[in-house]
């Protein structure tokens, strides 16, 4: 019986995680997207500076 209870608790835990992802998913994707954009832009700026010799 404790084993079944454990399975129910794990299922509830996964359900909570899924609900949180559904609620905060768009925000997480936005933050990740902005972070990647900043990395790409800074990388391009770094390459341009190296080409121009401003390093």
C-alpha atoms as a PDB file:
ATOM      1  CA  UNK A   1       0.000   0.000   0.000  1.00  0.00           C
ATOM      2  CA  UNK A   2       2.795   2.544   0.725  1.00  0.00           C
ATOM      3  CA  UNK A   3       4.166   1.778  -2.756  1.00  0.00           C
ATOM      4  CA  UNK A   4       0.895   2.843  -4.399  1.00  0.00           C
ATOM      5  CA  UNK A   5       0.815   5.970  -2.249  1.00  0.00           C
ATOM      6  CA  UNK A   6       4.335   6.797  -3.400  1.00  0.00           C
ATOM      7  CA  UNK A   7       3.258   6.453  -7.036  1.00  0.00           C
ATOM      8  CA  UNK A   8       0.346   8.811  -6.455  1.00  0.00           C
ATOM      9  CA  UNK A   9       2.656  11.353  -4.840  1.00  0.00           C
ATOM     10  CA  UNK A  10       5.052  11.171  -7.792  1.00  0.00           C
ATOM     11  CA  UNK A  11       2.164  11.608 -10.227  1.00  0.00           C
ATOM     12  CA  UNK A  12       0.964  14.658  -8.291  1.00  0.00           C
ATOM     13  CA  UNK A  13       4.517  16.005  -8.290  1.00  0.00           C
ATOM     14  CA  UNK A  14       4.760  15.665 -12.072  1.00  0.00           C
ATOM     15  CA  UNK A  15       1.336  17.289 -12.441  1.00  0.00           C
ATOM     16  CA  UNK A  16       2.494  20.263 -10.372  1.00  0.00           C
ATOM     17  CA  UNK A  17       5.635  20.587 -12.512  1.00  0.00           C
ATOM     18  CA  UNK A  18       3.550  20.390 -15.692  1.00  0.00           C
ATOM     19  CA  UNK A  19       1.191  23.077 -14.403  1.00  0.00           C
ATOM     20  CA  UNK A  20       4.122  25.313 -13.530  1.00  0.00           C
ATOM     21  CA  UNK A  21       5.648  24.831 -16.980  1.00  0.00           C
ATOM     22  CA  UNK A  22       2.310  25.645 -18.609  1.00  0.00           C
ATOM     23  CA  UNK A  23       2.033  28.786 -16.485  1.00  0.00           C
ATOM     24  CA  UNK A  24       5.630  30.016 -16.759  1.00  0.00           C
ATOM     25  CA  UNK A  25       6.608  28.425 -20.089  1.00  0.00           C
ATOM     26  CA  UNK A  26       6.126  31.560 -22.217  1.00  0.00           C
ATOM     27  CA  UNK A  27       8.087  33.635 -19.686  1.00  0.00           C
ATOM     28  CA  UNK A  28      10.912  31.077 -19.637  1.00  0.00           C
ATOM     29  CA  UNK A  29      11.010  30.945 -23.437  1.00  0.00           C
ATOM     30  CA  UNK A  30      11.074  34.763 -23.554  1.00  0.00           C
ATOM     31  CA  UNK A  31      13.948  34.956 -21.054  1.00  0.00           C
ATOM     32  CA  UNK A  32      15.907  32.248 -22.881  1.00  0.00           C
ATOM     33  CA  UNK A  33      15.269  33.948 -26.228  1.00  0.00           C
ATOM     34  CA  UNK A  34      16.436  37.330 -24.935  1.00  0.00           C
ATOM     35  CA  UNK A  35      19.524  35.709 -23.418  1.00  0.00           C
ATOM     36  CA  UNK A  36      20.409  34.007 -26.694  1.00  0.00           C
ATOM     37  CA  UNK A  37      19.818  37.244 -28.620  1.00  0.00           C
ATOM     38  CA  UNK A  38      22.160  39.134 -26.276  1.00  0.00           C
ATOM     39  CA  UNK A  39      24.827  36.442 -26.675  1.00  0.00           C
ATOM     40  CA  UNK A  40      24.521  36.514 -30.474  1.00  0.00           C
ATOM     41  CA  UNK A  41      24.614  40.317 -30.660  1.00  0.00           C
ATOM     42  CA  UNK A  42      27.589  40.572 -28.314  1.00  0.00           C
ATOM     43  CA  UNK A  43      29.368  37.867 -30.312  1.00  0.00           C
ATOM     44  CA  UNK A  44      28.777  39.726 -33.585  1.00  0.00           C
ATOM     45  CA  UNK A  45      29.963  42.990 -31.987  1.00  0.00           C
ATOM     46  CA  UNK A  46      33.071  41.194 -30.727  1.00  0.00           C
ATOM     47  CA  UNK A  47      33.813  39.801 -34.209  1.00  0.00           C
ATOM     48  CA  UNK A  48      33.297  43.233 -35.810  1.00  0.00           C
ATOM     49  CA  UNK A  49      35.617  44.830 -33.239  1.00  0.00           C
ATOM     50  CA  UNK A  50      38.269  42.188 -33.934  1.00  0.00           C
ATOM     51  CA  UNK A  51      37.972  42.749 -37.703  1.00  0.00           C
ATOM     52  CA  UNK A  52      38.312  46.522 -37.256  1.00  0.00           C
ATOM     53  CA  UNK A  53      41.284  46.039 -34.931  1.00  0.00           C
ATOM     54  CA  UNK A  54      39.634  47.684 -31.920  1.00  0.00           C
ATOM     55  CA  UNK A  55      40.369  44.650 -29.730  1.00  0.00           C
END
